[in-house]
Amino acid sequence: MNDSGVWQQCHLKMTSALNKVISELTPSSTENDAKETYDAWAATYEKDTDEHGYKGHVLCMEAFNKAMQSEGVFPGANKNIKILDAGAGTGIIGEMLVKQGYTNVDALDISQKMLDIAIKKNVYKRFICAPLSDVRIEQIQTAEYDVTLCAGTIVYGQAKPVALDECIRHVRPGQYNGQVTPSHSQDR
């Protein structure tokens, strides 16, 4: 079975738009393929993922909140920590962070059209349109952030696992790097 066929057999109910995205992004997809796909999907992304039952952002925030409450994981945590939402998309995690009182949050995404939607939400300080890969993102300094959150981005057909090194570079030593990867992509 080809890569696209395996991916399409995901047990979750998919909307036609989500199914189209999933079938287009395979392990051989390029960064430009991902950018074009997410640019085209931006206007209906939140509606489609909500109908699909996607909860990566919720799981990411649950893990983040648990880490923030643990002195062993994040001693002396406060609401002014500097956070990078890597793969921010339309800003769903940014909205959740602001509701919890975090205001020092930047957005990183490959799709400018996704970021254009996030901009309208007024939840981020800075917007960086760049791919998350093994290539250094020049707009981000080494150890610039206290926390990097990444929900459902480093998965099959999108950002490759080698992007984890770049996510780690963004975070100050000893700080928090939270990743949530959908279970249907774990074997990819």
C-alpha atoms as a PDB file:
ATOM      1  CA  MET A   1       0.000   0.000   0.000  1.00  0.00           C
ATOM      2  CA  ASN A   2       1.382   3.426  -0.844  1.00  0.00           C
ATOM      3  CA  ASP A   3       2.064   6.068   1.822  1.00  0.00           C
ATOM      4  CA  SER A   4      -1.058   8.051   0.987  1.00  0.00           C
ATOM      5  CA  GLY A   5      -3.278   4.965   1.283  1.00  0.00           C
ATOM      6  CA  VAL A   6      -1.906   4.032   4.705  1.00  0.00           C
ATOM      7  CA  TRP A   7      -2.414   7.557   5.950  1.00  0.00           C
ATOM      8  CA  GLN A   8      -5.986   7.730   4.631  1.00  0.00           C
ATOM      9  CA  GLN A   9      -6.945   4.641   6.631  1.00  0.00           C
ATOM     10  CA  CYS A  10      -6.731   6.635   9.833  1.00  0.00           C
ATOM     11  CA  HIS A  11      -9.719   5.570  11.952  1.00  0.00           C
ATOM     12  CA  LEU A  12     -10.864   9.128  12.627  1.00  0.00           C
ATOM     13  CA  LYS A  13     -13.790  10.608  10.718  1.00  0.00           C
ATOM     14  CA  MET A  14     -12.425  13.214   8.334  1.00  0.00           C
ATOM     15  CA  THR A  15     -14.032  16.119   6.558  1.00  0.00           C
ATOM     16  CA  SER A  16     -13.364  16.326   2.843  1.00  0.00           C
ATOM     17  CA  ALA A  17     -10.976  19.262   3.329  1.00  0.00           C
ATOM     18  CA  LEU A  18      -9.008  17.444   6.020  1.00  0.00           C
ATOM     19  CA  ASN A  19      -8.947  14.259   3.954  1.00  0.00           C
ATOM     20  CA  LYS A  20      -7.591  16.272   1.018  1.00  0.00           C
ATOM     21  CA  VAL A  21      -4.787  17.726   3.154  1.00  0.00           C
ATOM     22  CA  ILE A  22      -3.846  14.389   4.648  1.00  0.00           C
ATOM     23  CA  SER A  23      -3.753  12.661   1.273  1.00  0.00           C
ATOM     24  CA  GLU A  24      -1.560  15.422  -0.200  1.00  0.00           C
ATOM     25  CA  LEU A  25       1.138  15.384   2.492  1.00  0.00           C
ATOM     26  CA  THR A  26       3.319  12.269   2.473  1.00  0.00           C
ATOM     27  CA  PRO A  27       6.854  11.541   3.727  1.00  0.00           C
ATOM     28  CA  SER A  28       8.175  12.670   0.343  1.00  0.00           C
ATOM     29  CA  SER A  29       6.359  16.022   0.529  1.00  0.00           C
ATOM     30  CA  THR A  30       8.586  19.076   0.366  1.00  0.00           C
ATOM     31  CA  GLU A  31       8.445  22.132   2.605  1.00  0.00           C
ATOM     32  CA  ASN A  32       6.883  23.994  -0.307  1.00  0.00           C
ATOM     33  CA  ASP A  33       4.187  21.294  -0.591  1.00  0.00           C
ATOM     34  CA  ALA A  34       3.348  21.772   3.094  1.00  0.00           C
ATOM     35  CA  LYS A  35       3.356  25.570   2.759  1.00  0.00           C
ATOM     36  CA  GLU A  36       1.034  25.502  -0.257  1.00  0.00           C
ATOM     37  CA  THR A  37      -1.286  22.991   1.408  1.00  0.00           C
ATOM     38  CA  TYR A  38      -1.599  25.007   4.612  1.00  0.00           C
ATOM     39  CA  ASP A  39      -1.943  28.291   2.720  1.00  0.00           C
ATOM     40  CA  ALA A  40      -4.862  26.785   0.796  1.00  0.00           C
ATOM     41  CA  TRP A  41      -6.391  25.343   3.981  1.00  0.00           C
ATOM     42  CA  ALA A  42      -6.042  28.406   6.224  1.00  0.00           C
ATOM     43  CA  ALA A  43      -9.574  29.784   5.821  1.00  0.00           C
ATOM     44  CA  THR A  44     -11.283  26.556   6.949  1.00  0.00           C
ATOM     45  CA  TYR A  45      -8.554  25.030   9.137  1.00  0.00           C
ATOM     46  CA  GLU A  46     -10.204  25.609  12.519  1.00  0.00           C
ATOM     47  CA  LYS A  47     -13.641  24.452  11.362  1.00  0.00           C
ATOM     48  CA  ASP A  48     -12.209  21.357   9.678  1.00  0.00           C
ATOM     49  CA  THR A  49      -9.997  20.289  12.581  1.00  0.00           C
ATOM     50  CA  ASP A  50     -12.812  20.905  15.060  1.00  0.00           C
ATOM     51  CA  GLU A  51     -15.185  18.719  13.024  1.00  0.00           C
ATOM     52  CA  HIS A  52     -12.419  16.107  12.764  1.00  0.00           C
ATOM     53  CA  GLY A  53     -12.074  16.012  16.539  1.00  0.00           C
ATOM     54  CA  TYR A  54      -8.432  17.097  16.545  1.00  0.00           C
ATOM     55  CA  LYS A  55      -7.262  17.733  20.119  1.00  0.00           C
ATOM     56  CA  GLY A  56      -3.503  18.180  19.745  1.00  0.00           C
ATOM     57  CA  HIS A  57      -3.671  21.739  21.033  1.00  0.00           C
ATOM     58  CA  VAL A  58      -5.643  20.616  24.106  1.00  0.00           C
ATOM     59  CA  LEU A  59      -3.187  17.796  24.865  1.00  0.00           C
ATOM     60  CA  CYS A  60      -0.232  20.134  24.374  1.00  0.00           C
ATOM     61  CA  MET A  61      -1.699  22.674  26.799  1.00  0.00           C
ATOM     62  CA  GLU A  62      -2.539  19.976  29.358  1.00  0.00           C
ATOM     63  CA  ALA A  63       1.091  18.799  29.310  1.00  0.00           C
ATOM     64  CA  PHE A  64       2.345  22.390  29.460  1.00  0.00           C
ATOM     65  CA  ASN A  65       0.099  23.242  32.409  1.00  0.00           C
ATOM     66  CA  LYS A  66       1.214  20.127  34.267  1.00  0.00           C
ATOM     67  CA  ALA A  67       4.868  21.036  33.670  1.00  0.00           C
ATOM     68  CA  MET A  68       4.267  24.604  34.817  1.00  0.00           C
ATOM     69  CA  GLN A  69       2.798  23.332  38.085  1.00  0.00           C
ATOM     70  CA  SER A  70       5.788  21.089  38.768  1.00  0.00           C
ATOM     71  CA  GLU A  71       8.695  22.705  40.584  1.00  0.00           C
ATOM     72  CA  GLY A  72      10.860  19.814  39.382  1.00  0.00           C
ATOM     73  CA  VAL A  73      10.152  20.533  35.724  1.00  0.00           C
ATOM     74  CA  PHE A  74       9.845  24.306  35.702  1.00  0.00           C
ATOM     75  CA  PRO A  75      10.968  25.868  38.993  1.00  0.00           C
ATOM     76  CA  GLY A  76       9.874  29.436  39.593  1.00  0.00           C
ATOM     77  CA  ALA A  77       7.581  29.555  36.566  1.00  0.00           C
ATOM     78  CA  ASN A  78       5.652  32.744  35.970  1.00  0.00           C
ATOM     79  CA  LYS A  79       3.235  34.129  33.386  1.00  0.00           C
ATOM     80  CA  ASN A  80       5.921  36.328  31.784  1.00  0.00           C
ATOM     81  CA  ILE A  81       8.034  33.461  30.469  1.00  0.00           C
ATOM     82  CA  LYS A  82       8.920  33.689  26.781  1.00  0.00           C
ATOM     83  CA  ILE A  83       7.056  31.060  24.728  1.00  0.00           C
ATOM     84  CA  LEU A  84       7.413  30.007  21.085  1.00  0.00           C
ATOM     85  CA  ASP A  85       4.350  28.403  19.505  1.00  0.00           C
ATOM     86  CA  ALA A  86       6.105  26.379  16.784  1.00  0.00           C
ATOM     87  CA  GLY A  87       3.642  25.444  14.068  1.00  0.00           C
ATOM     88  CA  ALA A  88       1.267  28.102  15.394  1.00  0.00           C
ATOM     89  CA  GLY A  89      -1.086  27.921  12.439  1.00  0.00           C
ATOM     90  CA  THR A  90      -4.141  30.094  13.055  1.00  0.00           C
ATOM     91  CA  GLY A  91      -3.215  30.778  16.680  1.00  0.00           C
ATOM     92  CA  ILE A  92      -5.291  28.281  18.653  1.00  0.00           C
ATOM     93  CA  ILE A  93      -2.575  27.636  21.255  1.00  0.00           C
ATOM     94  CA  GLY A  94      -1.825  31.359  21.410  1.00  0.00           C
ATOM     95  CA  GLU A  95      -5.449  32.012  22.336  1.00  0.00           C
ATOM     96  CA  MET A  96      -5.308  29.338  25.029  1.00  0.00           C
ATOM     97  CA  LEU A  97      -2.096  30.790  26.468  1.00  0.00           C
ATOM     98  CA  VAL A  98      -3.485  34.336  26.607  1.00  0.00           C
ATOM     99  CA  LYS A  99      -6.639  33.083  28.371  1.00  0.00           C
ATOM    100  CA  GLN A 100      -4.319  31.636  31.019  1.00  0.00           C
ATOM    101  CA  GLY A 101      -2.452  34.922  31.411  1.00  0.00           C
ATOM    102  CA  TYR A 102       0.643  34.302  29.262  1.00  0.00           C
ATOM    103  CA  THR A 103       1.429  37.347  27.129  1.00  0.00           C
ATOM    104  CA  ASN A 104       5.030  36.882  25.987  1.00  0.00           C
ATOM    105  CA  VAL A 105       4.296  34.499  23.109  1.00  0.00           C
ATOM    106  CA  ASP A 106       5.673  34.379  19.553  1.00  0.00           C
ATOM    107  CA  ALA A 107       4.264  32.440  16.583  1.00  0.00           C
ATOM    108  CA  LEU A 108       6.236  30.373  14.072  1.00  0.00           C
ATOM    109  CA  ASP A 109       4.559  28.784  11.057  1.00  0.00           C
ATOM    110  CA  ILE A 110       5.394  27.822   7.488  1.00  0.00           C
ATOM    111  CA  SER A 111       2.156  29.343   6.165  1.00  0.00           C
ATOM    112  CA  GLN A 112       1.782  33.112   5.962  1.00  0.00           C
ATOM    113  CA  LYS A 113      -1.952  32.678   5.332  1.00  0.00           C
ATOM    114  CA  MET A 114      -2.288  30.761   8.609  1.00  0.00           C
ATOM    115  CA  LEU A 115      -0.296  33.477  10.379  1.00  0.00           C
ATOM    116  CA  ASP A 116      -2.496  36.162   8.804  1.00  0.00           C
ATOM    117  CA  ILE A 117      -5.452  34.630  10.654  1.00  0.00           C
ATOM    118  CA  ALA A 118      -3.414  34.403  13.872  1.00  0.00           C
ATOM    119  CA  ILE A 119      -2.420  38.080  13.554  1.00  0.00           C
ATOM    120  CA  LYS A 120      -6.073  39.116  13.780  1.00  0.00           C
ATOM    121  CA  LYS A 121      -6.378  37.375  17.171  1.00  0.00           C
ATOM    122  CA  ASN A 122      -3.845  39.713  18.834  1.00  0.00           C
ATOM    123  CA  VAL A 123      -2.339  36.959  20.975  1.00  0.00           C
ATOM    124  CA  TYR A 124       1.278  36.953  19.748  1.00  0.00           C
ATOM    125  CA  LYS A 125       4.082  39.502  20.037  1.00  0.00           C
ATOM    126  CA  ARG A 126       6.029  38.401  16.974  1.00  0.00           C
ATOM    127  CA  PHE A 127       5.257  36.378  13.849  1.00  0.00           C
ATOM    128  CA  ILE A 128       7.888  34.316  12.060  1.00  0.00           C
ATOM    129  CA  CYS A 129       7.012  32.739   8.733  1.00  0.00           C
ATOM    130  CA  ALA A 130       9.549  29.966   8.209  1.00  0.00           C
ATOM    131  CA  PRO A 131       9.623  26.188   7.928  1.00  0.00           C
ATOM    132  CA  LEU A 132      10.399  24.135  10.996  1.00  0.00           C
ATOM    133  CA  SER A 133      13.209  21.893   9.795  1.00  0.00           C
ATOM    134  CA  ASP A 134      16.835  21.074  10.480  1.00  0.00           C
ATOM    135  CA  VAL A 135      17.822  24.439   8.990  1.00  0.00           C
ATOM    136  CA  ARG A 136      18.526  27.222  11.461  1.00  0.00           C
ATOM    137  CA  ILE A 137      15.776  29.854  11.570  1.00  0.00           C
ATOM    138  CA  GLU A 138      17.749  33.091  11.479  1.00  0.00           C
ATOM    139  CA  GLN A 139      14.982  35.144  13.134  1.00  0.00           C
ATOM    140  CA  ILE A 140      15.294  33.027  16.301  1.00  0.00           C
ATOM    141  CA  GLN A 141      18.328  33.291  18.552  1.00  0.00           C
ATOM    142  CA  THR A 142      19.764  30.248  20.292  1.00  0.00           C
ATOM    143  CA  ALA A 143      18.197  29.859  23.759  1.00  0.00           C
ATOM    144  CA  GLU A 144      15.772  32.727  23.134  1.00  0.00           C
ATOM    145  CA  TYR A 145      12.750  31.016  24.705  1.00  0.00           C
ATOM    146  CA  ASP A 146      11.834  29.491  28.039  1.00  0.00           C
ATOM    147  CA  VAL A 147       9.304  27.197  26.370  1.00  0.00           C
ATOM    148  CA  THR A 148       8.636  25.851  22.894  1.00  0.00           C
ATOM    149  CA  LEU A 149       5.205  24.326  22.310  1.00  0.00           C
ATOM    150  CA  CYS A 150       4.556  22.308  19.177  1.00  0.00           C
ATOM    151  CA  ALA A 151       1.228  20.536  18.662  1.00  0.00           C
ATOM    152  CA  GLY A 152       0.787  18.191  15.727  1.00  0.00           C
ATOM    153  CA  THR A 153       3.484  19.790  13.600  1.00  0.00           C
ATOM    154  CA  ILE A 154       6.339  17.290  13.578  1.00  0.00           C
ATOM    155  CA  VAL A 155       4.356  14.547  11.896  1.00  0.00           C
ATOM    156  CA  TYR A 156       4.077  12.491   8.748  1.00  0.00           C
ATOM    157  CA  GLY A 157       4.253  14.694   5.648  1.00  0.00           C
ATOM    158  CA  GLN A 158       4.863  17.965   7.478  1.00  0.00           C
ATOM    159  CA  ALA A 159       7.872  18.999   9.569  1.00  0.00           C
ATOM    160  CA  LYS A 160      10.265  16.070   9.789  1.00  0.00           C
ATOM    161  CA  PRO A 161      11.600  14.687  13.103  1.00  0.00           C
ATOM    162  CA  VAL A 162      14.984  16.338  12.434  1.00  0.00           C
ATOM    163  CA  ALA A 163      13.191  19.611  13.255  1.00  0.00           C
ATOM    164  CA  LEU A 164      13.323  18.617  16.931  1.00  0.00           C
ATOM    165  CA  ASP A 165      16.951  19.736  17.073  1.00  0.00           C
ATOM    166  CA  GLU A 166      15.934  23.218  15.920  1.00  0.00           C
ATOM    167  CA  CYS A 167      13.111  23.299  18.502  1.00  0.00           C
ATOM    168  CA  ILE A 168      15.607  22.386  21.208  1.00  0.00           C
ATOM    169  CA  ARG A 169      18.015  25.115  20.020  1.00  0.00           C
ATOM    170  CA  HIS A 170      15.296  27.729  20.603  1.00  0.00           C
ATOM    171  CA  VAL A 171      14.945  26.873  24.303  1.00  0.00           C
ATOM    172  CA  ARG A 172      17.221  27.965  27.134  1.00  0.00           C
ATOM    173  CA  PRO A 173      19.128  25.070  28.710  1.00  0.00           C
ATOM    174  CA  GLY A 174      17.069  23.332  31.370  1.00  0.00           C
ATOM    175  CA  GLN A 175      13.776  24.777  30.153  1.00  0.00           C
ATOM    176  CA  TYR A 176      10.700  23.157  28.547  1.00  0.00           C
ATOM    177  CA  ASN A 177      10.149  21.829  25.038  1.00  0.00           C
ATOM    178  CA  GLY A 178       6.647  20.360  24.651  1.00  0.00           C
ATOM    179  CA  GLN A 179       5.715  18.269  21.617  1.00  0.00           C
ATOM    180  CA  VAL A 180       2.388  16.617  20.844  1.00  0.00           C
ATOM    181  CA  THR A 181       2.260  14.211  17.913  1.00  0.00           C
ATOM    182  CA  PRO A 182      -1.031  12.593  16.856  1.00  0.00           C
ATOM    183  CA  SER A 183      -1.115   8.851  17.551  1.00  0.00           C
ATOM    184  CA  HIS A 184      -2.007   8.110  13.935  1.00  0.00           C
ATOM    185  CA  SER A 185       1.404   9.427  12.874  1.00  0.00           C
ATOM    186  CA  GLN A 186       3.575   7.587  15.390  1.00  0.00           C
ATOM    187  CA  ASP A 187       4.388   4.756  13.027  1.00  0.00           C
ATOM    188  CA  ARG A 188       5.486   7.066  10.222  1.00  0.00           C
END
